[in-house]
Each structure stands twice: as C-alpha cells, then as structure tokens.
C-alpha cells in the first residue's frame, strides 16, 4: 500500500503577504477600473513593485518561480477586491512561463532586464506565420488579449507555413504551430472590449501584417520539446495550470458577488421588508386584497434572497 505524504496547501506566506498588502488599493480602484476599462497607472506601479506579474516567471529570468498553490492564493486574494485585476495577473502569470521556452539571452531581453515586463496573448482564427530567412512573416488578427493594454510584449499563436505557401507538418502529419512574441508597440489595436463585466481587462484585439519575427522570439508550448527549465513548475502542461487559475477566479468572483448581494439585502431590510407608504404610492401596482407588490420588486427580492444564492452555490459545487 502506498503511503501519502502531507501536502502543504497554505502556500508561501511571504508571497501571499505581498498580495494582501496591495489588496486595499485594488479594492479602492475597482469602480474606476470598471468605468475606465483599464488598470490605473498607480495600481500597476504597486503590482509591479510587489512583483505580482513575475510569480510564475523562472528565477533564471529574475522571476519568483513560486509554486501553483501560492499562485492560486495570490489570485484569490486579489479577486476578493477586483475581478479584472485578478484576471490580468492570472493571465500574465501563465504567459510569463513562456520564458522557460526561450533561449536565456532572449528571456532576459524580454523579461529579465525589464522589471515591468508583461506578456499577454489571445486567439486568432485566421492567422499565419510564413517561414523566411531568420524567422517568420506573421499576419493576422488576435482577440481577447487580456491585459494587453498594459503589456510590453504580445504573443501571436500561429500555424506555420512554408515559403511556398504550404502548411508545415511534423513527422506525424500534424500541422506545426508556434507562438510569436512581438513588442506591444508593433501591433495595431482595435477596441472591442465594451462589456458588462471584467471591463478592466481591456481584452481587445490586435493585428499584424507581414511582420517579421525572429525565430528565437517564437516558442512552442509543448513542454517536452523546447523547455530549458528543470523546475517542477515547468513540468506541468499549460492546460493543468490554466484550469486551476480559472476555477479559483470563478469561485472567488461568485463568493464576492454573494457578499455584495447579501449586504444589499441587509441594507434594504431583508426579504420580508415592506416599502414605506410614500414609496409604495410611486409603484405601478398598489398592495391590496389579492394583489402583491409590483412584480419588479418581487423579482428583485427573489434575486437577492440568500436561500436562492445558497442553492446556486450548492448546485455548482
């Protein structure tokens, strides 16, 4: 019978404390973030000073290279204050792992030598990278680049084409793909992110047209092929860590939403609260025999009823 060693799920307290120290500033900026659809410059300064964009960056590139448990605790701490900030930090953390697949001088040029380095990326359905001398010519449009507006570099994931225009295949006949790394000032932005929630992520789209990317500024995210780091963090598939990041953010965002609903309910006097007579007179329907409060008020009270919220959480557990 195999024994099981105890697992530490508390994380690195010193790293988590950095997030806790920044959390009040994140909370104070939350309304501005949603209104302006950007992380404020002062908040970005504090996040960089705490090195929260470098949590999953390799130590060899002047990163923290923390463990996934600590990273999840940090994202949860920030998400309690603002969802957009947590989303940007989480996405940037995953993108920073790209440094493990770059030659060390390139990793230093992109990440190590710039304490404010941030990489962002998003998908693009009709994109391509054509092989040329020394690298690739890249063309396409990529969207949902969360955090791209404060990023220093962007990743453009592409299928690879040969110079003659044919799709490049590996030994098994599978199309080859790579992620091209380009400076944020080299792309053309389009503002598409006018959403209801997570507005501060500024997940806009960017475009490149026949843009040259050096071969050593491209990576494949298949960790068993080009990864130069030996640490356990970089032995994980990208999908494994991404799933954990998304789940942690979703649970914390739902919990924060429940708290806001419950505080609103308490301020309104609870589910059984009756409106004052003066306010009732302004309603379209007056209470009376066989008639309740206006349907709109009834729906509102039902929506913020704690029992319904508890049922939602129980369903999703």
C-alpha atoms as a PDB file:
ATOM      1  CA  UNK A   1       0.000   0.000   0.000  1.00  0.00           C
ATOM      2  CA  UNK A   2       1.392   3.367  -0.978  1.00  0.00           C
ATOM      3  CA  UNK A   3       1.696   5.985   1.736  1.00  0.00           C
ATOM      4  CA  UNK A   4       0.636   9.575   1.222  1.00  0.00           C
ATOM      5  CA  UNK A   5       2.842  12.447   2.293  1.00  0.00           C
ATOM      6  CA  UNK A   6       1.153  15.518   3.788  1.00  0.00           C
ATOM      7  CA  UNK A   7       0.601  18.288   1.268  1.00  0.00           C
ATOM      8  CA  UNK A   8       1.067  21.938   2.192  1.00  0.00           C
ATOM      9  CA  UNK A   9      -1.880  23.891   0.786  1.00  0.00           C
ATOM     10  CA  UNK A  10      -1.198  27.112   2.683  1.00  0.00           C
ATOM     11  CA  UNK A  11       1.365  28.406   0.170  1.00  0.00           C
ATOM     12  CA  UNK A  12       4.296  30.736   0.719  1.00  0.00           C
ATOM     13  CA  UNK A  13       3.123  33.255   3.316  1.00  0.00           C
ATOM     14  CA  UNK A  14       5.729  35.825   2.276  1.00  0.00           C
ATOM     15  CA  UNK A  15       4.492  35.919  -1.307  1.00  0.00           C
ATOM     16  CA  UNK A  16       0.822  35.893  -0.319  1.00  0.00           C
ATOM     17  CA  UNK A  17       1.512  38.808   2.037  1.00  0.00           C
ATOM     18  CA  UNK A  18       2.507  40.903  -0.973  1.00  0.00           C
ATOM     19  CA  UNK A  19      -0.960  40.426  -2.439  1.00  0.00           C
ATOM     20  CA  UNK A  20      -2.608  41.154   0.896  1.00  0.00           C
ATOM     21  CA  UNK A  21      -0.666  44.411   1.150  1.00  0.00           C
ATOM     22  CA  UNK A  22      -1.865  45.541  -2.282  1.00  0.00           C
ATOM     23  CA  UNK A  23      -5.456  44.321  -1.864  1.00  0.00           C
ATOM     24  CA  UNK A  24      -6.862  47.541  -0.271  1.00  0.00           C
ATOM     25  CA  UNK A  25      -5.535  49.614  -3.159  1.00  0.00           C
ATOM     26  CA  UNK A  26      -7.089  47.192  -5.655  1.00  0.00           C
ATOM     27  CA  UNK A  27     -10.445  47.426  -3.875  1.00  0.00           C
ATOM     28  CA  UNK A  28     -10.296  51.229  -3.812  1.00  0.00           C
ATOM     29  CA  UNK A  29      -9.701  51.310  -7.567  1.00  0.00           C
ATOM     30  CA  UNK A  30     -12.366  48.740  -8.505  1.00  0.00           C
ATOM     31  CA  UNK A  31     -15.025  51.229  -9.628  1.00  0.00           C
ATOM     32  CA  UNK A  32     -12.523  53.253 -11.648  1.00  0.00           C
ATOM     33  CA  UNK A  33     -11.278  50.059 -13.295  1.00  0.00           C
ATOM     34  CA  UNK A  34     -14.758  49.132 -14.493  1.00  0.00           C
ATOM     35  CA  UNK A  35     -15.549  52.661 -15.619  1.00  0.00           C
ATOM     36  CA  UNK A  36     -12.283  53.365 -17.453  1.00  0.00           C
ATOM     37  CA  UNK A  37     -11.740  49.777 -18.717  1.00  0.00           C
ATOM     38  CA  UNK A  38      -8.093  49.920 -17.661  1.00  0.00           C
ATOM     39  CA  UNK A  39      -5.949  49.189 -14.615  1.00  0.00           C
ATOM     40  CA  UNK A  40      -4.878  52.630 -13.273  1.00  0.00           C
ATOM     41  CA  UNK A  41      -1.225  53.599 -13.595  1.00  0.00           C
ATOM     42  CA  UNK A  42      -0.781  53.934  -9.822  1.00  0.00           C
ATOM     43  CA  UNK A  43      -2.195  50.440  -9.270  1.00  0.00           C
ATOM     44  CA  UNK A  44       0.072  48.982 -11.954  1.00  0.00           C
ATOM     45  CA  UNK A  45       3.024  50.612 -10.184  1.00  0.00           C
ATOM     46  CA  UNK A  46       2.091  48.857  -6.942  1.00  0.00           C
ATOM     47  CA  UNK A  47       1.536  45.500  -8.644  1.00  0.00           C
ATOM     48  CA  UNK A  48       4.958  45.733 -10.280  1.00  0.00           C
ATOM     49  CA  UNK A  49       6.639  46.829  -7.046  1.00  0.00           C
ATOM     50  CA  UNK A  50       5.171  43.721  -5.389  1.00  0.00           C
ATOM     51  CA  UNK A  51       6.417  41.635  -8.375  1.00  0.00           C
ATOM     52  CA  UNK A  52       2.959  40.078  -8.747  1.00  0.00           C
ATOM     53  CA  UNK A  53       3.386  39.881 -12.523  1.00  0.00           C
ATOM     54  CA  UNK A  54       6.503  37.725 -12.031  1.00  0.00           C
ATOM     55  CA  UNK A  55       5.137  34.930  -9.841  1.00  0.00           C
ATOM     56  CA  UNK A  56       5.492  32.162 -12.457  1.00  0.00           C
ATOM     57  CA  UNK A  57       8.493  33.668 -14.245  1.00  0.00           C
ATOM     58  CA  UNK A  58      11.629  31.487 -13.928  1.00  0.00           C
ATOM     59  CA  UNK A  59      14.250  32.578 -11.405  1.00  0.00           C
ATOM     60  CA  UNK A  60      16.786  32.427 -14.236  1.00  0.00           C
ATOM     61  CA  UNK A  61      14.893  35.375 -15.785  1.00  0.00           C
ATOM     62  CA  UNK A  62      14.679  37.276 -12.486  1.00  0.00           C
ATOM     63  CA  UNK A  63      11.273  35.858 -11.622  1.00  0.00           C
ATOM     64  CA  UNK A  64       9.874  34.442  -8.366  1.00  0.00           C
ATOM     65  CA  UNK A  65       9.036  30.961  -9.749  1.00  0.00           C
ATOM     66  CA  UNK A  66       6.583  30.284  -6.943  1.00  0.00           C
ATOM     67  CA  UNK A  67       4.521  27.119  -6.614  1.00  0.00           C
ATOM     68  CA  UNK A  68       0.979  26.798  -8.054  1.00  0.00           C
ATOM     69  CA  UNK A  69      -0.673  26.723  -4.619  1.00  0.00           C
ATOM     70  CA  UNK A  70       0.868  30.067  -3.653  1.00  0.00           C
ATOM     71  CA  UNK A  71      -0.075  31.488  -7.034  1.00  0.00           C
ATOM     72  CA  UNK A  72      -3.703  30.433  -6.585  1.00  0.00           C
ATOM     73  CA  UNK A  73      -3.806  32.063  -3.126  1.00  0.00           C
ATOM     74  CA  UNK A  74      -2.453  35.305  -4.566  1.00  0.00           C
ATOM     75  CA  UNK A  75      -5.061  35.352  -7.346  1.00  0.00           C
ATOM     76  CA  UNK A  76      -7.818  34.602  -4.831  1.00  0.00           C
ATOM     77  CA  UNK A  77      -6.648  37.443  -2.583  1.00  0.00           C
ATOM     78  CA  UNK A  78      -6.713  39.958  -5.424  1.00  0.00           C
ATOM     79  CA  UNK A  79     -10.023  38.628  -6.786  1.00  0.00           C
ATOM     80  CA  UNK A  80     -11.684  39.449  -3.460  1.00  0.00           C
ATOM     81  CA  UNK A  81     -11.025  43.103  -4.303  1.00  0.00           C
ATOM     82  CA  UNK A  82     -11.436  43.237  -8.093  1.00  0.00           C
ATOM     83  CA  UNK A  83     -12.085  40.591 -10.721  1.00  0.00           C
ATOM     84  CA  UNK A  84     -10.396  42.386 -13.620  1.00  0.00           C
ATOM     85  CA  UNK A  85      -7.126  42.860 -11.755  1.00  0.00           C
ATOM     86  CA  UNK A  86      -7.075  39.218 -10.700  1.00  0.00           C
ATOM     87  CA  UNK A  87      -7.799  38.108 -14.264  1.00  0.00           C
ATOM     88  CA  UNK A  88      -4.948  40.212 -15.664  1.00  0.00           C
ATOM     89  CA  UNK A  89      -2.478  38.943 -13.073  1.00  0.00           C
ATOM     90  CA  UNK A  90      -3.522  35.365 -13.633  1.00  0.00           C
ATOM     91  CA  UNK A  91      -3.226  35.550 -17.405  1.00  0.00           C
ATOM     92  CA  UNK A  92       0.096  37.377 -17.210  1.00  0.00           C
ATOM     93  CA  UNK A  93       1.416  34.758 -14.826  1.00  0.00           C
ATOM     94  CA  UNK A  94       0.652  31.952 -17.244  1.00  0.00           C
ATOM     95  CA  UNK A  95       2.130  33.891 -20.153  1.00  0.00           C
ATOM     96  CA  UNK A  96       5.325  34.578 -18.196  1.00  0.00           C
ATOM     97  CA  UNK A  97       6.006  30.853 -18.137  1.00  0.00           C
ATOM     98  CA  UNK A  98       6.957  31.307 -21.803  1.00  0.00           C
ATOM     99  CA  UNK A  99      10.383  32.435 -20.602  1.00  0.00           C
ATOM    100  CA  UNK A 100      11.116  28.789 -19.816  1.00  0.00           C
ATOM    101  CA  UNK A 101      10.969  28.021 -23.539  1.00  0.00           C
ATOM    102  CA  UNK A 102      13.193  30.859 -24.730  1.00  0.00           C
ATOM    103  CA  UNK A 103      16.958  30.902 -25.026  1.00  0.00           C
ATOM    104  CA  UNK A 104      18.257  32.545 -21.864  1.00  0.00           C
ATOM    105  CA  UNK A 105      19.564  35.726 -23.560  1.00  0.00           C
ATOM    106  CA  UNK A 106      16.155  36.242 -25.193  1.00  0.00           C
ATOM    107  CA  UNK A 107      14.346  35.526 -21.918  1.00  0.00           C
ATOM    108  CA  UNK A 108      16.467  38.201 -20.273  1.00  0.00           C
ATOM    109  CA  UNK A 109      15.869  40.676 -23.099  1.00  0.00           C
ATOM    110  CA  UNK A 110      12.084  40.255 -22.848  1.00  0.00           C
ATOM    111  CA  UNK A 111      11.569  39.604 -19.134  1.00  0.00           C
ATOM    112  CA  UNK A 112      14.710  39.595 -17.046  1.00  0.00           C
ATOM    113  CA  UNK A 113      16.049  43.051 -17.847  1.00  0.00           C
ATOM    114  CA  UNK A 114      12.666  44.788 -17.561  1.00  0.00           C
ATOM    115  CA  UNK A 115      11.069  44.742 -14.090  1.00  0.00           C
ATOM    116  CA  UNK A 116       7.769  45.888 -15.646  1.00  0.00           C
ATOM    117  CA  UNK A 117       7.654  43.219 -18.353  1.00  0.00           C
ATOM    118  CA  UNK A 118       4.197  41.767 -19.040  1.00  0.00           C
ATOM    119  CA  UNK A 119       3.243  39.329 -21.797  1.00  0.00           C
ATOM    120  CA  UNK A 120      -0.356  38.987 -22.995  1.00  0.00           C
ATOM    121  CA  UNK A 121      -1.948  36.985 -25.796  1.00  0.00           C
ATOM    122  CA  UNK A 122      -5.228  35.811 -27.280  1.00  0.00           C
ATOM    123  CA  UNK A 123      -6.552  33.504 -30.012  1.00  0.00           C
ATOM    124  CA  UNK A 124      -6.770  34.256 -33.710  1.00  0.00           C
ATOM    125  CA  UNK A 125      -8.804  32.035 -36.082  1.00  0.00           C
ATOM    126  CA  UNK A 126      -7.339  33.210 -39.424  1.00  0.00           C
ATOM    127  CA  UNK A 127      -3.655  33.817 -38.845  1.00  0.00           C
ATOM    128  CA  UNK A 128      -0.389  32.529 -40.252  1.00  0.00           C
ATOM    129  CA  UNK A 129       3.383  32.639 -39.902  1.00  0.00           C
ATOM    130  CA  UNK A 130       5.328  32.061 -43.099  1.00  0.00           C
ATOM    131  CA  UNK A 131       8.909  30.836 -42.875  1.00  0.00           C
ATOM    132  CA  UNK A 132      11.556  33.209 -44.152  1.00  0.00           C
ATOM    133  CA  UNK A 133      15.254  33.758 -43.633  1.00  0.00           C
ATOM    134  CA  UNK A 134      15.942  34.109 -39.914  1.00  0.00           C
ATOM    135  CA  UNK A 135      12.358  33.763 -38.782  1.00  0.00           C
ATOM    136  CA  UNK A 136       8.761  34.257 -39.872  1.00  0.00           C
ATOM    137  CA  UNK A 137       6.476  36.779 -41.580  1.00  0.00           C
ATOM    138  CA  UNK A 138       3.367  36.989 -39.425  1.00  0.00           C
ATOM    139  CA  UNK A 139      -0.095  38.128 -40.485  1.00  0.00           C
ATOM    140  CA  UNK A 140      -3.444  38.024 -38.699  1.00  0.00           C
ATOM    141  CA  UNK A 141      -5.766  39.361 -36.030  1.00  0.00           C
ATOM    142  CA  UNK A 142      -5.813  38.100 -32.447  1.00  0.00           C
ATOM    143  CA  UNK A 143      -8.528  38.897 -29.907  1.00  0.00           C
ATOM    144  CA  UNK A 144      -9.249  38.585 -26.170  1.00  0.00           C
ATOM    145  CA  UNK A 145      -5.731  39.712 -25.262  1.00  0.00           C
ATOM    146  CA  UNK A 146      -6.444  40.283 -21.576  1.00  0.00           C
ATOM    147  CA  UNK A 147      -4.074  42.832 -20.083  1.00  0.00           C
ATOM    148  CA  UNK A 148      -2.701  43.698 -23.496  1.00  0.00           C
ATOM    149  CA  UNK A 149      -3.089  47.438 -22.997  1.00  0.00           C
ATOM    150  CA  UNK A 150      -0.507  47.434 -20.189  1.00  0.00           C
ATOM    151  CA  UNK A 151       1.615  44.622 -21.647  1.00  0.00           C
ATOM    152  CA  UNK A 152       5.112  45.185 -23.000  1.00  0.00           C
ATOM    153  CA  UNK A 153       5.009  42.106 -25.262  1.00  0.00           C
ATOM    154  CA  UNK A 154       2.255  40.188 -27.045  1.00  0.00           C
ATOM    155  CA  UNK A 155       2.011  36.581 -28.149  1.00  0.00           C
ATOM    156  CA  UNK A 156       0.572  35.692 -31.554  1.00  0.00           C
ATOM    157  CA  UNK A 157      -0.154  31.981 -31.860  1.00  0.00           C
ATOM    158  CA  UNK A 158       0.120  30.804 -35.474  1.00  0.00           C
ATOM    159  CA  UNK A 159       0.146  27.746 -37.703  1.00  0.00           C
ATOM    160  CA  UNK A 160       3.423  27.608 -39.622  1.00  0.00           C
ATOM    161  CA  UNK A 161       3.517  27.765 -43.417  1.00  0.00           C
ATOM    162  CA  UNK A 162       6.478  27.081 -45.678  1.00  0.00           C
ATOM    163  CA  UNK A 163       7.785  29.751 -48.024  1.00  0.00           C
ATOM    164  CA  UNK A 164       5.873  28.113 -50.904  1.00  0.00           C
ATOM    165  CA  UNK A 165       2.585  28.616 -49.018  1.00  0.00           C
ATOM    166  CA  UNK A 166       2.038  25.008 -47.981  1.00  0.00           C
ATOM    167  CA  UNK A 167       1.231  24.114 -44.390  1.00  0.00           C
ATOM    168  CA  UNK A 168       4.216  22.803 -42.444  1.00  0.00           C
ATOM    169  CA  UNK A 169       3.613  19.394 -40.854  1.00  0.00           C
ATOM    170  CA  UNK A 170       5.554  17.439 -38.254  1.00  0.00           C
ATOM    171  CA  UNK A 171       6.696  13.835 -38.652  1.00  0.00           C
ATOM    172  CA  UNK A 172       3.213  12.611 -37.730  1.00  0.00           C
ATOM    173  CA  UNK A 173       1.446  14.805 -40.258  1.00  0.00           C
ATOM    174  CA  UNK A 174       0.176  17.264 -37.647  1.00  0.00           C
ATOM    175  CA  UNK A 175       0.304  20.980 -38.567  1.00  0.00           C
ATOM    176  CA  UNK A 176       3.064  22.796 -36.684  1.00  0.00           C
ATOM    177  CA  UNK A 177       2.178  25.818 -34.558  1.00  0.00           C
ATOM    178  CA  UNK A 178       4.251  28.372 -32.687  1.00  0.00           C
ATOM    179  CA  UNK A 179       3.635  31.494 -30.619  1.00  0.00           C
ATOM    180  CA  UNK A 180       5.357  34.602 -31.960  1.00  0.00           C
ATOM    181  CA  UNK A 181       6.473  37.220 -29.420  1.00  0.00           C
ATOM    182  CA  UNK A 182       6.287  40.853 -30.552  1.00  0.00           C
ATOM    183  CA  UNK A 183       6.565  44.210 -28.808  1.00  0.00           C
ATOM    184  CA  UNK A 184       3.224  45.758 -27.943  1.00  0.00           C
ATOM    185  CA  UNK A 185       4.070  48.953 -29.824  1.00  0.00           C
ATOM    186  CA  UNK A 186       4.455  46.962 -33.061  1.00  0.00           C
ATOM    187  CA  UNK A 187       0.795  45.929 -33.321  1.00  0.00           C
ATOM    188  CA  UNK A 188      -2.353  47.775 -34.461  1.00  0.00           C
ATOM    189  CA  UNK A 189      -5.020  47.774 -31.735  1.00  0.00           C
ATOM    190  CA  UNK A 190      -8.804  47.709 -32.119  1.00  0.00           C
ATOM    191  CA  UNK A 191     -11.010  48.496 -29.127  1.00  0.00           C
ATOM    192  CA  UNK A 192     -13.612  45.707 -28.942  1.00  0.00           C
ATOM    193  CA  UNK A 193     -13.960  45.204 -25.183  1.00  0.00           C
ATOM    194  CA  UNK A 194     -17.066  47.175 -24.207  1.00  0.00           C
ATOM    195  CA  UNK A 195     -18.590  44.507 -21.976  1.00  0.00           C
ATOM    196  CA  UNK A 196     -20.781  44.216 -18.883  1.00  0.00           C
ATOM    197  CA  UNK A 197     -18.152  42.615 -16.629  1.00  0.00           C
ATOM    198  CA  UNK A 198     -14.362  42.273 -16.468  1.00  0.00           C
ATOM    199  CA  UNK A 199     -14.157  45.566 -18.314  1.00  0.00           C
ATOM    200  CA  UNK A 200     -10.808  46.406 -16.768  1.00  0.00           C
ATOM    201  CA  UNK A 201      -9.087  43.503 -18.530  1.00  0.00           C
ATOM    202  CA  UNK A 202      -9.227  45.513 -21.795  1.00  0.00           C
ATOM    203  CA  UNK A 203      -9.256  42.243 -23.730  1.00  0.00           C
ATOM    204  CA  UNK A 204      -9.025  43.951 -27.095  1.00  0.00           C
ATOM    205  CA  UNK A 205      -7.794  42.671 -30.435  1.00  0.00           C
ATOM    206  CA  UNK A 206      -4.504  43.375 -32.180  1.00  0.00           C
ATOM    207  CA  UNK A 207      -3.268  42.880 -35.729  1.00  0.00           C
ATOM    208  CA  UNK A 208      -0.016  42.266 -37.588  1.00  0.00           C
ATOM    209  CA  UNK A 209       0.547  42.411 -41.335  1.00  0.00           C
ATOM    210  CA  UNK A 210       3.532  40.605 -42.826  1.00  0.00           C
ATOM    211  CA  UNK A 211       5.523  41.452 -39.716  1.00  0.00           C
ATOM    212  CA  UNK A 212       8.959  39.854 -39.275  1.00  0.00           C
ATOM    213  CA  UNK A 213       9.552  37.864 -36.084  1.00  0.00           C
ATOM    214  CA  UNK A 214      12.948  36.363 -35.326  1.00  0.00           C
ATOM    215  CA  UNK A 215      12.989  32.585 -34.954  1.00  0.00           C
ATOM    216  CA  UNK A 216      14.337  32.822 -31.408  1.00  0.00           C
ATOM    217  CA  UNK A 217      11.346  35.021 -30.485  1.00  0.00           C
ATOM    218  CA  UNK A 218       8.948  32.152 -31.101  1.00  0.00           C
ATOM    219  CA  UNK A 219       8.053  29.238 -28.861  1.00  0.00           C
ATOM    220  CA  UNK A 220       6.070  26.047 -28.822  1.00  0.00           C
ATOM    221  CA  UNK A 221       4.147  25.454 -25.618  1.00  0.00           C
ATOM    222  CA  UNK A 222       4.731  21.709 -25.724  1.00  0.00           C
ATOM    223  CA  UNK A 223       6.890  21.478 -22.599  1.00  0.00           C
ATOM    224  CA  UNK A 224       8.643  18.247 -23.580  1.00  0.00           C
ATOM    225  CA  UNK A 225      10.150  19.728 -26.753  1.00  0.00           C
ATOM    226  CA  UNK A 226      11.861  23.053 -26.067  1.00  0.00           C
ATOM    227  CA  UNK A 227      11.609  23.729 -22.331  1.00  0.00           C
ATOM    228  CA  UNK A 228      15.051  24.573 -20.902  1.00  0.00           C
ATOM    229  CA  UNK A 229      13.928  24.838 -17.252  1.00  0.00           C
ATOM    230  CA  UNK A 230      14.116  21.833 -14.935  1.00  0.00           C
ATOM    231  CA  UNK A 231      11.910  23.114 -12.113  1.00  0.00           C
ATOM    232  CA  UNK A 232       8.673  21.230 -11.321  1.00  0.00           C
ATOM    233  CA  UNK A 233       6.554  24.258 -12.252  1.00  0.00           C
ATOM    234  CA  UNK A 234       7.628  23.860 -15.886  1.00  0.00           C
ATOM    235  CA  UNK A 235       6.980  20.119 -15.965  1.00  0.00           C
ATOM    236  CA  UNK A 236       3.247  20.825 -15.930  1.00  0.00           C
ATOM    237  CA  UNK A 237       1.189  21.106 -19.082  1.00  0.00           C
ATOM    238  CA  UNK A 238      -0.199  24.602 -19.685  1.00  0.00           C
ATOM    239  CA  UNK A 239      -3.763  23.291 -19.532  1.00  0.00           C
ATOM    240  CA  UNK A 240      -3.309  21.967 -15.999  1.00  0.00           C
ATOM    241  CA  UNK A 241      -2.353  25.313 -14.515  1.00  0.00           C
ATOM    242  CA  UNK A 242      -4.893  27.192 -16.631  1.00  0.00           C
ATOM    243  CA  UNK A 243      -7.744  25.043 -15.282  1.00  0.00           C
ATOM    244  CA  UNK A 244      -6.711  25.776 -11.715  1.00  0.00           C
ATOM    245  CA  UNK A 245      -6.436  29.515 -12.365  1.00  0.00           C
ATOM    246  CA  UNK A 246      -9.876  29.699 -13.957  1.00  0.00           C
ATOM    247  CA  UNK A 247     -11.570  27.690 -11.208  1.00  0.00           C
ATOM    248  CA  UNK A 248     -10.002  29.735  -8.426  1.00  0.00           C
ATOM    249  CA  UNK A 249     -11.053  33.010 -10.018  1.00  0.00           C
ATOM    250  CA  UNK A 250     -14.585  31.825 -10.712  1.00  0.00           C
ATOM    251  CA  UNK A 251     -15.215  30.635  -7.159  1.00  0.00           C
ATOM    252  CA  UNK A 252     -13.822  33.819  -5.641  1.00  0.00           C
ATOM    253  CA  UNK A 253     -15.800  36.040  -8.003  1.00  0.00           C
ATOM    254  CA  UNK A 254     -19.020  34.189  -7.154  1.00  0.00           C
ATOM    255  CA  UNK A 255     -18.300  34.441  -3.437  1.00  0.00           C
ATOM    256  CA  UNK A 256     -17.658  38.178  -3.728  1.00  0.00           C
ATOM    257  CA  UNK A 257     -20.893  38.579  -5.680  1.00  0.00           C
ATOM    258  CA  UNK A 258     -22.801  36.705  -2.979  1.00  0.00           C
ATOM    259  CA  UNK A 259     -21.372  39.032  -0.363  1.00  0.00           C
ATOM    260  CA  UNK A 260     -22.449  42.109  -2.318  1.00  0.00           C
ATOM    261  CA  UNK A 261     -25.959  40.733  -2.753  1.00  0.00           C
ATOM    262  CA  UNK A 262     -26.254  39.907   0.928  1.00  0.00           C
ATOM    263  CA  UNK A 263     -25.060  43.347   2.005  1.00  0.00           C
ATOM    264  CA  UNK A 264     -27.567  44.951  -0.334  1.00  0.00           C
ATOM    265  CA  UNK A 265     -30.329  42.736   1.067  1.00  0.00           C
ATOM    266  CA  UNK A 266     -29.401  43.717   4.619  1.00  0.00           C
ATOM    267  CA  UNK A 267     -29.435  47.413   3.711  1.00  0.00           C
ATOM    268  CA  UNK A 268     -32.928  47.001   2.249  1.00  0.00           C
ATOM    269  CA  UNK A 269     -34.207  45.332   5.399  1.00  0.00           C
ATOM    270  CA  UNK A 270     -34.228  41.708   4.328  1.00  0.00           C
ATOM    271  CA  UNK A 271     -36.509  39.640   2.114  1.00  0.00           C
ATOM    272  CA  UNK A 272     -39.598  40.472   4.177  1.00  0.00           C
ATOM    273  CA  UNK A 273     -39.026  44.215   4.108  1.00  0.00           C
ATOM    274  CA  UNK A 274     -42.073  46.298   3.114  1.00  0.00           C
ATOM    275  CA  UNK A 275     -41.620  49.621   1.371  1.00  0.00           C
ATOM    276  CA  UNK A 276     -42.761  52.801   3.170  1.00  0.00           C
ATOM    277  CA  UNK A 277     -46.180  54.090   2.142  1.00  0.00           C
ATOM    278  CA  UNK A 278     -44.714  57.073   0.277  1.00  0.00           C
ATOM    279  CA  UNK A 279     -42.533  54.755  -1.815  1.00  0.00           C
ATOM    280  CA  UNK A 280     -45.404  52.334  -2.372  1.00  0.00           C
ATOM    281  CA  UNK A 281     -47.551  55.104  -3.818  1.00  0.00           C
ATOM    282  CA  UNK A 282     -44.939  55.568  -6.562  1.00  0.00           C
ATOM    283  CA  UNK A 283     -45.325  51.910  -7.590  1.00  0.00           C
ATOM    284  CA  UNK A 284     -47.368  50.975 -10.613  1.00  0.00           C
ATOM    285  CA  UNK A 285     -49.436  48.496  -8.565  1.00  0.00           C
ATOM    286  CA  UNK A 286     -50.656  49.144  -5.034  1.00  0.00           C
ATOM    287  CA  UNK A 287     -50.789  46.418  -2.387  1.00  0.00           C
ATOM    288  CA  UNK A 288     -54.308  45.289  -1.688  1.00  0.00           C
ATOM    289  CA  UNK A 289     -56.580  42.266  -1.371  1.00  0.00           C
ATOM    290  CA  UNK A 290     -55.334  39.625  -3.721  1.00  0.00           C
ATOM    291  CA  UNK A 291     -52.582  41.899  -5.025  1.00  0.00           C
ATOM    292  CA  UNK A 292     -48.927  41.939  -4.017  1.00  0.00           C
ATOM    293  CA  UNK A 293     -46.153  44.440  -4.503  1.00  0.00           C
ATOM    294  CA  UNK A 294     -45.139  45.322  -8.037  1.00  0.00           C
ATOM    295  CA  UNK A 295     -43.717  42.377  -9.936  1.00  0.00           C
ATOM    296  CA  UNK A 296     -40.421  44.170 -10.411  1.00  0.00           C
ATOM    297  CA  UNK A 297     -39.880  44.481  -6.643  1.00  0.00           C
ATOM    298  CA  UNK A 298     -40.865  40.873  -6.121  1.00  0.00           C
ATOM    299  CA  UNK A 299     -38.333  39.719  -8.699  1.00  0.00           C
ATOM    300  CA  UNK A 300     -35.633  41.868  -7.116  1.00  0.00           C
ATOM    301  CA  UNK A 301     -36.253  40.435  -3.666  1.00  0.00           C
ATOM    302  CA  UNK A 302     -36.241  36.916  -5.102  1.00  0.00           C
ATOM    303  CA  UNK A 303     -32.945  37.567  -6.909  1.00  0.00           C
ATOM    304  CA  UNK A 304     -31.181  38.705  -3.750  1.00  0.00           C
ATOM    305  CA  UNK A 305     -32.692  36.134  -1.418  1.00  0.00           C
ATOM    306  CA  UNK A 306     -29.847  34.325   0.318  1.00  0.00           C
ATOM    307  CA  UNK A 307     -31.565  30.962   0.073  1.00  0.00           C
ATOM    308  CA  UNK A 308     -31.539  31.196  -3.690  1.00  0.00           C
ATOM    309  CA  UNK A 309     -27.873  32.149  -3.669  1.00  0.00           C
ATOM    310  CA  UNK A 310     -27.079  29.194  -1.435  1.00  0.00           C
ATOM    311  CA  UNK A 311     -28.930  26.931  -3.857  1.00  0.00           C
ATOM    312  CA  UNK A 312     -26.847  28.242  -6.753  1.00  0.00           C
ATOM    313  CA  UNK A 313     -23.584  27.584  -4.909  1.00  0.00           C
ATOM    314  CA  UNK A 314     -24.729  24.104  -3.839  1.00  0.00           C
ATOM    315  CA  UNK A 315     -25.588  23.263  -7.443  1.00  0.00           C
ATOM    316  CA  UNK A 316     -22.148  24.286  -8.689  1.00  0.00           C
ATOM    317  CA  UNK A 317     -20.118  22.535  -6.017  1.00  0.00           C
END
